[in-house]
Amino acid sequence: MTHLVTVTSQGQISIPAPLRRQFQLDKIRKAFVHAENGKIIITPSADIPSLRGIFASTKRLPYKTTRAAFETAMSKGLA
């Protein structure tokens, strides 16, 4: 399915609602954007809840601390 979007003067686009629902994109979930073969590719990233349980640990951290660490890792390309 192809959608026509407008790029604003701020360089922003709106992802059409059907695609946001399909890929579960919202205010919290981040996405990667890169260029490939003359195309702009948007790829949804994994979010904290989807990663729950991948590491065995009895240590519990506050959500805000976990979220901040996750966003730092994302900005460095580690996640």
N, C-alpha and C. Protein backbone atom coordinates (compact mmCIF):
# COMPACT_ATOMS: atom_id res chain seq x y z
N MET A 1 0.84 -1.17 0.00
CA MET A 1 0.00 0.00 0.00
C MET A 1 0.89 1.24 0.00
N THR A 2 0.63 2.17 -0.86
CA THR A 2 1.41 3.40 -0.97
C THR A 2 0.58 4.57 -0.49
N HIS A 3 1.23 5.46 0.26
CA HIS A 3 0.58 6.66 0.77
C HIS A 3 1.40 7.87 0.34
N LEU A 4 0.73 8.95 -0.02
CA LEU A 4 1.40 10.19 -0.36
C LEU A 4 1.45 11.05 0.90
N VAL A 5 2.64 11.49 1.29
CA VAL A 5 2.80 12.33 2.47
C VAL A 5 3.45 13.64 2.06
N THR A 6 3.31 14.64 2.90
CA THR A 6 3.89 15.95 2.66
C THR A 6 5.03 16.17 3.63
N VAL A 7 6.13 16.73 3.14
CA VAL A 7 7.24 17.10 4.01
C VAL A 7 7.03 18.56 4.40
N THR A 8 7.01 18.84 5.71
CA THR A 8 6.77 20.21 6.18
C THR A 8 8.05 21.04 6.04
N SER A 9 7.93 22.33 6.27
CA SER A 9 9.10 23.21 6.22
C SER A 9 10.10 22.85 7.31
N GLN A 10 9.65 22.12 8.33
CA GLN A 10 10.52 21.67 9.41
C GLN A 10 11.18 20.33 9.08
N GLY A 11 10.87 19.77 7.90
CA GLY A 11 11.44 18.49 7.50
C GLY A 11 10.71 17.29 8.09
N GLN A 12 9.49 17.47 8.54
CA GLN A 12 8.73 16.40 9.17
C GLN A 12 7.69 15.82 8.21
N ILE A 13 7.38 14.54 8.43
CA ILE A 13 6.27 13.91 7.71
C ILE A 13 5.37 13.25 8.74
N SER A 14 4.12 13.02 8.37
CA SER A 14 3.21 12.26 9.21
C SER A 14 3.06 10.88 8.59
N ILE A 15 3.24 9.86 9.42
CA ILE A 15 3.05 8.49 8.95
C ILE A 15 1.55 8.21 9.00
N PRO A 16 0.95 7.78 7.92
CA PRO A 16 -0.49 7.54 7.89
C PRO A 16 -0.94 6.56 8.98
N ALA A 17 -2.12 6.82 9.53
CA ALA A 17 -2.66 6.03 10.65
C ALA A 17 -2.66 4.52 10.39
N PRO A 18 -3.06 4.03 9.21
CA PRO A 18 -3.04 2.58 9.01
C PRO A 18 -1.65 1.97 9.21
N LEU A 19 -0.62 2.70 8.77
CA LEU A 19 0.75 2.20 8.94
C LEU A 19 1.19 2.30 10.41
N ARG A 20 0.80 3.39 11.09
CA ARG A 20 1.14 3.51 12.52
C ARG A 20 0.52 2.37 13.31
N ARG A 21 -0.72 2.03 12.99
CA ARG A 21 -1.37 0.91 13.69
C ARG A 21 -0.71 -0.42 13.34
N GLN A 22 -0.42 -0.63 12.07
CA GLN A 22 0.19 -1.88 11.63
C GLN A 22 1.53 -2.13 12.32
N PHE A 23 2.33 -1.06 12.48
CA PHE A 23 3.66 -1.21 13.07
C PHE A 23 3.72 -0.76 14.53
N GLN A 24 2.56 -0.51 15.11
CA GLN A 24 2.42 -0.14 16.53
C GLN A 24 3.32 1.04 16.90
N LEU A 25 3.30 2.06 16.05
CA LEU A 25 4.07 3.28 16.31
C LEU A 25 3.20 4.25 17.09
N ASP A 26 3.78 4.84 18.11
CA ASP A 26 3.07 5.84 18.91
C ASP A 26 4.08 6.87 19.41
N LYS A 27 3.68 7.70 20.35
CA LYS A 27 4.57 8.75 20.86
C LYS A 27 5.82 8.19 21.51
N ILE A 28 5.72 7.00 22.07
CA ILE A 28 6.83 6.44 22.84
C ILE A 28 7.78 5.63 21.97
N ARG A 29 7.25 4.84 21.07
CA ARG A 29 8.08 3.93 20.29
C ARG A 29 8.90 4.69 19.26
N LYS A 30 10.16 4.38 19.17
CA LYS A 30 11.08 5.04 18.25
C LYS A 30 11.20 4.23 16.96
N ALA A 31 11.79 4.85 15.94
CA ALA A 31 12.03 4.17 14.66
C ALA A 31 13.38 4.62 14.13
N PHE A 32 14.02 3.74 13.37
CA PHE A 32 15.28 4.06 12.71
C PHE A 32 14.95 4.57 11.31
N VAL A 33 15.70 5.57 10.84
CA VAL A 33 15.53 6.10 9.49
C VAL A 33 16.90 6.07 8.82
N HIS A 34 16.96 5.47 7.64
CA HIS A 34 18.21 5.46 6.90
C HIS A 34 17.93 5.46 5.40
N ALA A 35 18.97 5.81 4.63
CA ALA A 35 18.85 5.83 3.17
C ALA A 35 19.47 4.55 2.62
N GLU A 36 18.79 4.00 1.61
CA GLU A 36 19.28 2.76 0.99
C GLU A 36 18.84 2.75 -0.48
N ASN A 37 19.80 2.70 -1.38
CA ASN A 37 19.52 2.65 -2.81
C ASN A 37 18.57 3.75 -3.26
N GLY A 38 18.80 4.98 -2.80
CA GLY A 38 17.99 6.11 -3.20
C GLY A 38 16.61 6.17 -2.56
N LYS A 39 16.38 5.37 -1.51
CA LYS A 39 15.10 5.36 -0.81
C LYS A 39 15.31 5.69 0.67
N ILE A 40 14.29 6.25 1.29
CA ILE A 40 14.30 6.48 2.73
C ILE A 40 13.57 5.31 3.38
N ILE A 41 14.25 4.62 4.28
CA ILE A 41 13.70 3.45 4.94
C ILE A 41 13.43 3.78 6.41
N ILE A 42 12.21 3.53 6.87
CA ILE A 42 11.84 3.72 8.27
C ILE A 42 11.58 2.34 8.86
N THR A 43 12.31 2.00 9.93
CA THR A 43 12.19 0.69 10.55
C THR A 43 11.83 0.85 12.02
N PRO A 44 10.70 0.32 12.48
CA PRO A 44 10.36 0.42 13.91
C PRO A 44 11.43 -0.28 14.75
N SER A 45 11.75 0.34 15.89
CA SER A 45 12.73 -0.27 16.79
C SER A 45 12.02 -1.12 17.83
N ALA A 46 12.77 -2.01 18.44
CA ALA A 46 12.23 -2.77 19.56
C ALA A 46 12.08 -1.80 20.74
N ASP A 47 11.07 -2.01 21.55
CA ASP A 47 10.87 -1.14 22.70
C ASP A 47 11.07 -1.95 23.98
N ILE A 48 11.22 -1.28 25.08
CA ILE A 48 11.52 -1.93 26.35
C ILE A 48 10.56 -3.08 26.67
N PRO A 49 9.24 -2.90 26.59
CA PRO A 49 8.36 -4.02 26.95
C PRO A 49 8.58 -5.27 26.09
N SER A 50 8.95 -5.09 24.81
CA SER A 50 9.16 -6.25 23.96
C SER A 50 10.46 -6.98 24.30
N LEU A 51 11.35 -6.32 25.02
CA LEU A 51 12.61 -6.93 25.41
C LEU A 51 12.56 -7.56 26.79
N ARG A 52 11.43 -7.44 27.47
CA ARG A 52 11.30 -7.95 28.83
C ARG A 52 11.64 -9.44 28.88
N GLY A 53 12.49 -9.79 29.83
CA GLY A 53 12.80 -11.19 30.08
C GLY A 53 13.97 -11.74 29.29
N ILE A 54 14.63 -10.93 28.44
CA ILE A 54 15.72 -11.50 27.65
C ILE A 54 17.01 -11.64 28.46
N PHE A 55 17.09 -10.94 29.57
CA PHE A 55 18.25 -11.07 30.46
C PHE A 55 17.77 -11.55 31.82
N ALA A 56 18.42 -12.58 32.33
CA ALA A 56 18.06 -13.09 33.66
C ALA A 56 18.68 -12.18 34.71
N SER A 57 17.85 -11.61 35.57
CA SER A 57 18.33 -10.73 36.63
C SER A 57 17.27 -10.62 37.71
N THR A 58 17.75 -10.50 38.93
CA THR A 58 16.82 -10.26 40.04
C THR A 58 16.79 -8.78 40.39
N LYS A 59 17.66 -8.00 39.75
CA LYS A 59 17.73 -6.57 40.01
C LYS A 59 16.57 -5.84 39.35
N ARG A 60 15.90 -4.98 40.08
CA ARG A 60 14.77 -4.20 39.55
C ARG A 60 15.15 -2.73 39.52
N LEU A 61 14.93 -2.09 38.37
CA LEU A 61 15.22 -0.67 38.21
C LEU A 61 13.93 0.08 37.93
N PRO A 62 13.88 1.34 38.36
CA PRO A 62 12.70 2.15 38.04
C PRO A 62 12.56 2.30 36.52
N TYR A 63 11.32 2.40 36.05
CA TYR A 63 11.04 2.51 34.61
C TYR A 63 11.79 3.69 34.00
N LYS A 64 11.79 4.85 34.66
CA LYS A 64 12.44 6.03 34.10
C LYS A 64 13.93 5.80 33.89
N THR A 65 14.58 5.12 34.82
CA THR A 65 16.00 4.81 34.70
C THR A 65 16.24 3.88 33.52
N THR A 66 15.41 2.86 33.41
CA THR A 66 15.52 1.89 32.32
C THR A 66 15.29 2.58 30.98
N ARG A 67 14.27 3.40 30.91
CA ARG A 67 13.92 4.10 29.67
C ARG A 67 15.06 5.02 29.24
N ALA A 68 15.64 5.76 30.20
CA ALA A 68 16.73 6.67 29.87
C ALA A 68 17.94 5.89 29.34
N ALA A 69 18.26 4.76 29.96
CA ALA A 69 19.38 3.93 29.49
C ALA A 69 19.10 3.39 28.09
N PHE A 70 17.87 2.98 27.86
CA PHE A 70 17.48 2.45 26.55
C PHE A 70 17.62 3.53 25.47
N GLU A 71 17.13 4.73 25.75
CA GLU A 71 17.21 5.82 24.77
C GLU A 71 18.65 6.23 24.50
N THR A 72 19.51 6.18 25.53
CA THR A 72 20.92 6.48 25.34
C THR A 72 21.55 5.42 24.43
N ALA A 73 21.25 4.17 24.66
CA ALA A 73 21.77 3.09 23.82
C ALA A 73 21.27 3.25 22.38
N MET A 74 20.00 3.62 22.21
CA MET A 74 19.43 3.81 20.87
C MET A 74 20.17 4.94 20.14
N SER A 75 20.45 6.03 20.84
CA SER A 75 21.10 7.17 20.19
C SER A 75 22.52 6.84 19.77
N LYS A 76 23.14 5.86 20.46
CA LYS A 76 24.49 5.44 20.12
C LYS A 76 24.50 4.28 19.13
N GLY A 77 23.30 3.81 18.74
CA GLY A 77 23.21 2.71 17.80
C GLY A 77 23.52 1.36 18.42
N LEU A 78 23.37 1.26 19.74
CA LEU A 78 23.69 0.00 20.42
C LEU A 78 22.50 -0.94 20.52
N ALA A 79 21.30 -0.44 20.30
CA ALA A 79 20.11 -1.29 20.42
C ALA A 79 19.47 -1.49 19.08
